[in-house]
Amino acid sequence: MILLSNHQRWIFTLSLINTNLWNELQKEQNKQENLKKLHQKLLRPNLGNPQLKEELDDLKQKESKRLSDFLELLSKYQVTLFDENFNQGDKYLKAANQNFEFLLLFYDSLLLFEDFIKLPGDEQIQKKHQNLKVSLRQKQSGQIIDTNSERSLSKTWEGVQLEMFTIGDRIIQYNWQINQVIKVDPKDAKNKAPEAKKPAPGGKQQETEKPVQTTTTPLKSFKTFRQISAKHEFFKSINEFVIEYKKQVDYAKDQIKLLSERELKFQFKWEQSIASL
């Protein structure tokens, strides 16, 4: 429920922000249409008279300024639309990820059937089926798991691909790290960290390359049916939001392009009308 509520709230917010921006742009477009009609009305046939050249030049200058100002305004609105959609996608993804993490921790804290004290002879929890090859590899690596216990079945839930909310070269940034402690035997030469390369004569020491961040932070918890259900609901809500997000971004691109093309077509007709005077 918490994931669904979060999803609906952010979908509504995204739609509301885009609607408000398009309403503002629509008002400005109506002003431009009125100005175009006024300029067309002032472009009388007698303006071809050399004595009215000053009036014609003034009208041409006004129309040229109107066109350049409106095209610049369209460009700014496109940037604003992209910024707002990108920021909302960023905020939604962080909120959804935090809600998912809360659910995992919350379900981890719930009492399970195995937490109750059982008397001798009580029915044992049925062992979960496990692949023989997986069990053999775990035994060889020392990872002995008691499948009688539901709490012993841990799971690392993969993160969300950040490319889902990309606009151009903009990708959502996160402080990405995996909270995992690895025990290293100092006697084992294979596990030793590679030594830094010595700098070349007159050169600088090479810096260690950082891993490229591609997903949100993976989360680790137990693997119960509650966590599995939350995981499915989490990715379902993410995918649905991505569909709406891309729909809004693509619509903004298409509409701004359409409005710009209309203005350029009007400019072509305007210049033809002036040439025919």
Protein backbone atom coordinates (compact mmCIF):
# COMPACT_ATOMS: atom_id res chain seq x y z
CA MET A 1 0.00 0.00 0.00
CA ILE A 2 2.81 2.42 0.86
CA LEU A 3 4.44 1.87 -2.55
CA LEU A 4 1.13 2.33 -4.36
CA SER A 5 0.35 5.51 -2.43
CA ASN A 6 3.80 6.92 -3.16
CA HIS A 7 3.45 6.03 -6.84
CA GLN A 8 0.05 7.71 -7.23
CA ARG A 9 1.19 10.84 -5.39
CA TRP A 10 4.23 11.34 -7.60
CA ILE A 11 2.30 10.58 -10.79
CA PHE A 12 -0.22 13.27 -9.80
CA THR A 13 2.56 15.74 -8.93
CA LEU A 14 4.34 15.10 -12.24
CA SER A 15 1.13 15.60 -14.20
CA LEU A 16 0.22 18.75 -12.25
CA ILE A 17 3.60 20.40 -12.82
CA ASN A 18 3.50 19.68 -16.56
CA THR A 19 -0.08 20.92 -16.83
CA ASN A 20 0.78 24.23 -15.12
CA LEU A 21 3.79 24.79 -17.38
CA TRP A 22 1.79 24.03 -20.53
CA ASN A 23 -0.98 26.40 -19.40
CA GLU A 24 1.58 29.18 -18.99
CA LEU A 25 3.01 28.47 -22.43
CA GLN A 26 -0.48 28.37 -23.94
CA LYS A 27 -1.20 31.88 -22.62
CA GLU A 28 2.03 33.15 -24.16
CA GLN A 29 1.22 31.42 -27.44
CA ASN A 30 -2.18 33.14 -27.55
CA LYS A 31 -0.43 36.50 -27.14
CA GLN A 32 1.87 35.66 -30.02
CA GLU A 33 -1.05 34.67 -32.25
CA ASN A 34 -2.72 38.02 -31.54
CA LEU A 35 0.50 39.86 -32.39
CA LYS A 36 0.85 37.95 -35.65
CA LYS A 37 -2.69 38.85 -36.65
CA LEU A 38 -2.02 42.50 -35.79
CA HIS A 39 1.17 42.58 -37.85
CA GLN A 40 -0.59 40.94 -40.80
CA LYS A 41 -3.33 43.53 -40.56
CA LEU A 42 -0.79 46.38 -40.53
CA LEU A 43 0.99 44.96 -43.57
CA ARG A 44 -1.08 46.93 -46.08
CA PRO A 45 -0.40 46.86 -49.85
CA ASN A 46 0.40 50.61 -49.89
CA LEU A 47 3.44 49.99 -47.64
CA GLY A 48 5.24 49.21 -50.89
CA ASN A 49 5.29 52.96 -51.52
CA PRO A 50 8.84 54.32 -50.99
CA GLN A 51 7.42 57.16 -48.92
CA LEU A 52 6.18 54.60 -46.35
CA LYS A 53 9.51 52.74 -46.18
CA GLU A 54 10.14 53.86 -42.59
CA GLU A 55 6.78 52.44 -41.45
CA LEU A 56 7.46 49.17 -43.29
CA ASP A 57 10.93 48.84 -41.74
CA ASP A 58 9.48 49.46 -38.30
CA LEU A 59 6.84 46.73 -38.82
CA LYS A 60 9.47 44.30 -40.12
CA GLN A 61 11.62 44.99 -37.07
CA LYS A 62 8.72 44.39 -34.69
CA GLU A 63 7.85 41.07 -36.31
CA SER A 64 11.47 39.97 -36.35
CA LYS A 65 11.81 40.77 -32.64
CA ARG A 66 8.55 38.97 -31.85
CA LEU A 67 9.75 35.85 -33.64
CA SER A 68 13.21 35.78 -32.02
CA ASP A 69 11.76 36.43 -28.55
CA PHE A 70 9.17 33.68 -28.89
CA LEU A 71 11.67 31.11 -30.19
CA GLU A 72 13.94 31.95 -27.26
CA LEU A 73 10.98 31.57 -24.92
CA LEU A 74 10.17 28.16 -26.39
CA SER A 75 13.75 27.07 -25.82
CA LYS A 76 13.58 28.21 -22.17
CA TYR A 77 10.28 26.41 -21.63
CA GLN A 78 11.75 23.22 -23.07
CA VAL A 79 14.67 23.43 -20.63
CA THR A 80 12.26 24.12 -17.76
CA LEU A 81 10.04 21.19 -18.73
CA PHE A 82 13.01 18.84 -18.92
CA ASP A 83 14.39 20.13 -15.61
CA GLU A 84 11.08 19.70 -13.79
CA ASN A 85 10.47 16.21 -15.16
CA PHE A 86 14.04 15.16 -14.41
CA ASN A 87 13.85 16.52 -10.85
CA GLN A 88 10.51 14.79 -10.22
CA GLY A 89 11.90 11.51 -11.56
CA ASP A 90 14.90 11.93 -9.26
CA LYS A 91 12.74 12.65 -6.19
CA TYR A 92 10.32 9.82 -6.97
CA LEU A 93 13.08 7.25 -7.40
CA LYS A 94 14.68 8.24 -4.09
CA ALA A 95 11.32 8.18 -2.28
CA ALA A 96 10.36 4.80 -3.79
CA ASN A 97 13.74 3.33 -2.91
CA GLN A 98 13.44 4.58 0.68
CA ASN A 99 9.92 3.12 0.99
CA PHE A 100 11.11 -0.21 -0.37
CA GLU A 101 14.01 -0.26 2.10
CA PHE A 102 11.60 0.57 4.94
CA LEU A 103 9.33 -2.33 3.94
CA LEU A 104 12.24 -4.77 3.85
CA LEU A 105 13.37 -3.73 7.33
CA PHE A 106 9.80 -3.71 8.62
CA TYR A 107 9.10 -7.23 7.36
CA ASP A 108 12.42 -8.37 8.82
CA SER A 109 11.21 -7.26 12.25
CA LEU A 110 7.90 -9.15 12.09
CA LEU A 111 7.41 -12.37 14.02
CA LEU A 112 7.55 -15.55 11.99
CA PHE A 113 6.12 -18.94 12.85
CA GLU A 114 9.63 -20.20 13.59
CA ASP A 115 10.10 -17.47 16.23
CA PHE A 116 7.66 -19.19 18.57
CA ILE A 117 9.02 -21.85 20.95
CA LYS A 118 8.09 -25.27 19.63
CA LEU A 119 7.77 -28.35 21.81
CA PRO A 120 9.43 -31.62 20.82
CA GLY A 121 7.35 -33.37 18.23
CA ASP A 122 5.93 -30.17 16.70
CA GLU A 123 5.74 -30.12 12.93
CA GLN A 124 9.05 -29.05 11.40
CA ILE A 125 9.20 -26.31 8.81
CA GLN A 126 9.34 -27.84 5.39
CA LYS A 127 12.72 -27.45 3.74
CA LYS A 128 12.74 -25.33 0.62
CA HIS A 129 13.85 -27.07 -2.56
CA GLN A 130 17.33 -26.10 -3.64
CA ASN A 131 19.35 -26.95 -6.70
CA LEU A 132 21.96 -29.64 -6.03
CA LYS A 133 24.72 -27.75 -7.84
CA VAL A 134 23.97 -24.59 -5.83
CA SER A 135 24.08 -26.56 -2.57
CA LEU A 136 27.40 -28.17 -3.57
CA ARG A 137 28.99 -24.81 -4.41
CA GLN A 138 27.79 -23.34 -1.10
CA LYS A 139 29.20 -26.28 0.82
CA GLN A 140 32.56 -26.00 -0.95
CA SER A 141 32.72 -22.25 -0.25
CA GLY A 142 31.77 -22.72 3.39
CA GLN A 143 28.38 -21.03 3.06
CA ILE A 144 26.30 -23.49 5.09
CA ILE A 145 22.68 -22.41 5.11
CA ASP A 146 20.01 -23.94 7.32
CA THR A 147 17.00 -24.16 5.01
CA ASN A 148 14.82 -25.16 7.95
CA SER A 149 14.83 -21.51 9.01
CA GLU A 150 13.05 -18.90 6.95
CA ARG A 151 15.27 -16.20 8.44
CA SER A 152 18.39 -17.96 7.19
CA LEU A 153 17.43 -17.32 3.56
CA SER A 154 18.90 -13.88 2.92
CA LYS A 155 18.67 -12.01 -0.37
CA THR A 156 20.36 -9.02 -1.98
CA TRP A 157 17.72 -7.11 -3.91
CA GLU A 158 19.13 -5.49 -7.02
CA GLY A 159 18.99 -1.73 -7.48
CA VAL A 160 17.12 0.27 -10.11
CA GLN A 161 18.85 1.26 -13.35
CA LEU A 162 19.50 5.01 -13.25
CA GLU A 163 19.31 5.24 -17.06
CA MET A 164 15.52 4.99 -16.72
CA PHE A 165 15.34 8.72 -15.98
CA THR A 166 17.99 9.97 -18.41
CA ILE A 167 17.41 13.14 -20.43
CA GLY A 168 20.22 13.70 -22.90
CA ASP A 169 23.46 13.32 -20.94
CA ARG A 170 21.79 13.87 -17.56
CA ILE A 171 21.70 10.82 -15.28
CA ILE A 172 20.47 10.76 -11.69
CA GLN A 173 23.41 10.75 -9.28
CA TYR A 174 23.57 8.73 -6.06
CA ASN A 175 26.15 8.06 -3.40
CA TRP A 176 26.50 4.44 -4.44
CA GLN A 177 28.14 1.87 -2.20
CA ILE A 178 27.48 -1.67 -1.03
CA ASN A 179 27.67 -2.20 2.73
CA GLN A 180 29.62 -5.43 2.62
CA VAL A 181 32.54 -6.50 4.82
CA ILE A 182 35.01 -8.91 3.22
CA LYS A 183 37.49 -10.73 5.43
CA VAL A 184 40.91 -10.95 3.83
CA ASP A 185 43.60 -13.32 4.98
CA PRO A 186 46.85 -11.30 5.06
CA LYS A 187 48.81 -14.46 4.34
CA ASP A 188 46.96 -14.97 1.09
CA ALA A 189 48.92 -13.09 -1.56
CA LYS A 190 46.05 -13.37 -4.02
CA ASN A 191 43.76 -11.35 -1.79
CA LYS A 192 46.22 -8.51 -1.33
CA ALA A 193 45.27 -5.18 -2.85
CA PRO A 194 47.28 -4.38 -5.99
CA GLU A 195 50.10 -1.95 -5.38
CA ALA A 196 49.81 1.50 -6.90
CA LYS A 197 51.92 1.99 -9.98
CA LYS A 198 54.97 4.18 -9.52
CA PRO A 199 54.77 7.48 -11.37
CA ALA A 200 56.80 7.83 -14.54
CA PRO A 201 59.78 10.24 -14.45
CA GLY A 202 58.37 13.76 -14.43
CA GLY A 203 54.81 12.45 -14.39
CA LYS A 204 52.02 12.16 -11.85
CA GLN A 205 50.89 9.06 -10.02
CA GLN A 206 47.90 7.39 -11.65
CA GLU A 207 44.65 7.67 -9.73
CA THR A 208 42.55 4.59 -9.03
CA GLU A 209 39.49 4.47 -11.29
CA LYS A 210 36.17 4.60 -9.48
CA PRO A 211 33.40 2.16 -10.48
CA VAL A 212 30.74 3.63 -12.74
CA GLN A 213 27.45 4.05 -10.90
CA THR A 214 24.63 2.41 -12.87
CA THR A 215 22.01 1.50 -10.25
CA THR A 216 20.65 2.57 -6.90
CA THR A 217 22.14 0.90 -3.84
CA PRO A 218 21.32 -2.84 -3.64
CA LEU A 219 19.43 -3.73 -0.44
CA LYS A 220 19.95 -6.85 1.65
CA SER A 221 17.34 -8.53 3.82
CA PHE A 222 15.69 -11.87 4.48
CA LYS A 223 13.87 -13.62 1.67
CA THR A 224 10.28 -14.19 2.73
CA PHE A 225 7.11 -14.02 0.68
CA ARG A 226 6.49 -10.51 2.08
CA GLN A 227 9.80 -9.19 0.75
CA ILE A 228 9.25 -10.90 -2.59
CA SER A 229 5.80 -9.33 -2.89
CA ALA A 230 7.21 -5.89 -1.98
CA LYS A 231 9.96 -6.30 -4.57
CA HIS A 232 7.44 -7.05 -7.33
CA GLU A 233 5.27 -4.09 -6.30
CA PHE A 234 8.33 -1.83 -6.13
CA PHE A 235 9.53 -2.56 -9.67
CA LYS A 236 5.98 -2.49 -11.01
CA SER A 237 5.47 1.04 -9.65
CA ILE A 238 8.89 2.10 -10.99
CA ASN A 239 8.09 0.85 -14.49
CA GLU A 240 4.67 2.54 -14.50
CA PHE A 241 6.20 5.84 -13.42
CA VAL A 242 8.90 5.53 -16.11
CA ILE A 243 6.17 5.13 -18.75
CA GLU A 244 4.45 8.35 -17.59
CA TYR A 245 7.79 10.13 -17.27
CA LYS A 246 8.89 9.27 -20.82
CA LYS A 247 5.43 10.16 -22.10
CA GLN A 248 5.71 13.67 -20.61
CA VAL A 249 9.28 14.17 -21.90
CA ASP A 250 8.46 12.97 -25.43
CA TYR A 251 5.33 15.14 -25.51
CA ALA A 252 7.39 18.19 -24.50
CA LYS A 253 9.93 17.50 -27.27
CA ASP A 254 7.23 17.05 -29.92
CA GLN A 255 5.17 20.09 -28.92
CA ILE A 256 8.12 22.48 -28.70
CA LYS A 257 9.33 21.26 -32.08
CA LEU A 258 5.85 21.70 -33.57
CA LEU A 259 5.48 25.25 -32.23
CA SER A 260 8.94 26.19 -33.53
CA GLU A 261 8.15 24.83 -37.00
CA ARG A 262 4.88 26.78 -37.08
CA GLU A 263 6.75 30.00 -36.33
CA LEU A 264 9.32 29.33 -39.04
CA LYS A 265 6.55 28.65 -41.56
CA PHE A 266 4.87 31.92 -40.62
CA GLN A 267 8.19 33.72 -41.05
CA PHE A 268 8.51 32.29 -44.57
CA LYS A 269 4.98 33.47 -45.52
CA TRP A 270 5.66 36.86 -43.90
CA GLU A 271 8.78 37.38 -45.99
CA GLN A 272 6.89 36.35 -49.13
CA SER A 273 4.17 38.91 -48.36
CA ILE A 274 6.77 41.65 -47.92
CA ALA A 275 8.51 40.69 -51.17
CA SER A 276 5.21 40.92 -53.08
CA LEU A 277 4.61 44.57 -52.06
